Amino acid sequence: MTNRTFAIIKPDAVKNNYVGKIYNHILDKGFKILSAKLIKMSKYQAEQFYFIHKDKPFYEELTNFMSSGRCMVLALQKENAVEYWREVIGATNPNEAEDGTIRKLYANSLGENAVHGSDSSENAVKEISFFFTESELI
């Protein structure tokens, strides 16, 4: 089944000039990039985007980090996009990520882990629509 997923190249990866390498990784894995934007998330946007984690102890640190610098948001398409993207990015903790995954290659730590990926098709739809209008998905 072809479907969409959402990705963010996080501020740590942008700051470390990994956008091009991660972008190429995405293309090499056969994803179609429907849309991509370089943005600077406001604290409010980060709080709204990660609202599902509001009661978790890492919420404040996460929203501060995500609003600390530029990031690239992407809408991706591929068969089984959500599941495959999760495999491509690797475990949240880069020390536990498989060799060759984006987080193993480019993440600094558990908190600065280079990329975000939707965890379900339902969340991918919500996350894509948070940053993109349908007319931007080409």
Protein backbone atom coordinates (compact mmCIF):
# COMPACT_ATOMS: atom_id res chain seq x y z
CA MET A 1 0.00 0.00 0.00
CA THR A 2 1.35 3.43 -0.91
CA ASN A 3 0.88 5.98 1.82
CA ARG A 4 2.37 9.07 3.34
CA THR A 5 4.49 9.76 6.34
CA PHE A 6 5.82 12.88 7.97
CA ALA A 7 9.43 13.62 8.82
CA ILE A 8 11.38 16.39 10.48
CA ILE A 9 15.09 16.95 10.12
CA LYS A 10 15.60 18.39 13.60
CA PRO A 11 17.59 21.47 14.65
CA ASP A 12 20.69 19.47 15.65
CA ALA A 13 20.97 17.88 12.20
CA VAL A 14 20.35 21.21 10.44
CA LYS A 15 22.98 22.93 12.62
CA ASN A 16 25.47 20.16 11.85
CA ASN A 17 24.87 20.52 8.08
CA TYR A 18 23.34 17.04 7.66
CA VAL A 19 20.25 18.15 5.72
CA GLY A 20 21.70 17.20 2.32
CA LYS A 21 22.97 13.84 3.55
CA ILE A 22 19.64 12.99 5.17
CA TYR A 23 17.74 14.22 2.10
CA ASN A 24 19.86 11.92 -0.08
CA HIS A 25 19.28 9.06 2.37
CA ILE A 26 15.52 9.61 1.96
CA LEU A 27 15.79 9.51 -1.84
CA ASP A 28 18.13 6.51 -1.81
CA LYS A 29 15.54 4.58 0.20
CA GLY A 30 12.95 5.16 -2.52
CA PHE A 31 10.76 7.78 -0.89
CA LYS A 32 9.01 10.36 -3.03
CA ILE A 33 9.26 13.79 -1.43
CA LEU A 34 5.85 15.41 -1.79
CA SER A 35 6.91 18.63 -0.08
CA ALA A 36 9.70 20.03 2.08
CA LYS A 37 10.20 23.33 3.89
CA LEU A 38 12.96 24.80 5.99
CA ILE A 39 11.26 26.46 8.97
CA LYS A 40 11.95 27.87 12.42
CA MET A 41 9.28 26.45 14.69
CA SER A 42 7.99 28.81 17.36
CA LYS A 43 7.76 27.57 20.93
CA TYR A 44 3.96 27.65 20.56
CA GLN A 45 4.09 25.54 17.37
CA ALA A 46 6.38 23.02 19.08
CA GLU A 47 4.04 22.84 22.07
CA GLN A 48 1.03 22.27 19.81
CA PHE A 49 2.80 19.74 17.61
CA TYR A 50 4.05 17.68 20.58
CA PHE A 51 0.91 18.21 22.69
CA ILE A 52 0.41 14.45 22.92
CA HIS A 53 3.52 14.40 25.17
CA LYS A 54 2.40 17.31 27.38
CA ASP A 55 2.35 15.27 30.59
CA LYS A 56 5.68 13.53 29.99
CA PRO A 57 8.84 14.68 31.78
CA PHE A 58 10.70 15.41 28.53
CA TYR A 59 8.00 17.72 27.06
CA GLU A 60 9.59 21.03 28.09
CA GLU A 61 13.06 19.98 26.95
CA LEU A 62 11.64 18.67 23.65
CA THR A 63 9.66 21.79 22.84
CA ASN A 64 12.59 24.04 23.78
CA PHE A 65 14.88 22.01 21.53
CA MET A 66 12.48 21.91 18.59
CA SER A 67 12.05 25.69 18.73
CA SER A 68 15.77 26.37 19.21
CA GLY A 69 16.74 26.51 15.54
CA ARG A 70 15.81 25.74 11.97
CA CYS A 71 14.41 22.39 10.96
CA MET A 72 13.14 20.86 7.75
CA VAL A 73 9.66 19.39 7.62
CA LEU A 74 8.88 16.84 4.92
CA ALA A 75 5.89 14.92 3.58
CA LEU A 76 7.05 11.60 2.16
CA GLN A 77 5.32 8.92 0.12
CA LYS A 78 6.16 5.26 -0.37
CA GLU A 79 4.56 1.88 0.04
CA ASN A 80 4.21 1.26 3.79
CA ALA A 81 5.75 4.70 4.33
CA VAL A 82 5.26 4.97 8.08
CA GLU A 83 6.73 1.58 8.91
CA TYR A 84 9.58 1.86 6.43
CA TRP A 85 10.53 5.39 7.54
CA ARG A 86 10.69 4.17 11.15
CA GLU A 87 13.12 1.44 10.03
CA VAL A 88 15.21 3.95 8.04
CA ILE A 89 15.57 6.38 10.94
CA GLY A 90 16.37 3.75 13.57
CA ALA A 91 15.84 3.61 17.33
CA THR A 92 15.19 6.87 19.19
CA ASN A 93 18.41 6.36 21.14
CA PRO A 94 21.22 6.48 18.56
CA ASN A 95 23.31 4.13 20.72
CA GLU A 96 20.63 1.48 20.14
CA ALA A 97 20.07 2.26 16.44
CA GLU A 98 21.11 -0.20 13.75
CA ASP A 99 24.17 0.60 11.65
CA GLY A 100 23.29 2.60 8.54
CA THR A 101 20.16 4.19 10.03
CA ILE A 102 19.85 7.96 10.04
CA ARG A 103 20.04 8.22 13.82
CA LYS A 104 23.10 5.97 14.02
CA LEU A 105 24.80 8.13 11.38
CA TYR A 106 23.72 11.64 12.37
CA ALA A 107 22.18 11.83 15.87
CA ASN A 108 24.01 13.33 18.85
CA SER A 109 22.01 11.83 21.71
CA LEU A 110 18.61 10.59 22.84
CA GLY A 111 17.38 14.19 23.06
CA GLU A 112 19.09 15.40 19.89
CA ASN A 113 18.29 12.50 17.63
CA ALA A 114 18.40 14.17 14.19
CA VAL A 115 14.95 13.24 12.85
CA HIS A 116 11.29 12.74 13.67
CA GLY A 117 8.99 10.20 12.09
CA SER A 118 5.27 9.61 12.41
CA ASP A 119 4.39 6.56 14.49
CA SER A 120 1.15 5.66 12.66
CA SER A 121 -0.67 6.44 9.44
CA GLU A 122 -3.30 8.35 11.40
CA ASN A 123 -0.67 10.53 13.06
CA ALA A 124 1.09 11.03 9.72
CA VAL A 125 -2.08 12.57 8.31
CA LYS A 126 -2.38 14.91 11.31
CA GLU A 127 1.31 15.83 11.31
CA ILE A 128 1.45 16.50 7.57
CA SER A 129 -1.62 18.74 7.79
CA PHE A 130 -0.05 20.64 10.71
CA PHE A 131 2.70 21.98 8.41
CA PHE A 132 1.36 21.60 4.85
CA THR A 133 -1.79 22.41 2.93
CA GLU A 134 -2.97 19.79 0.48
CA SER A 135 -2.01 22.07 -2.43
CA GLU A 136 1.62 22.03 -1.22
CA LEU A 137 1.81 18.23 -1.54
CA ILE A 138 2.90 17.80 -5.14
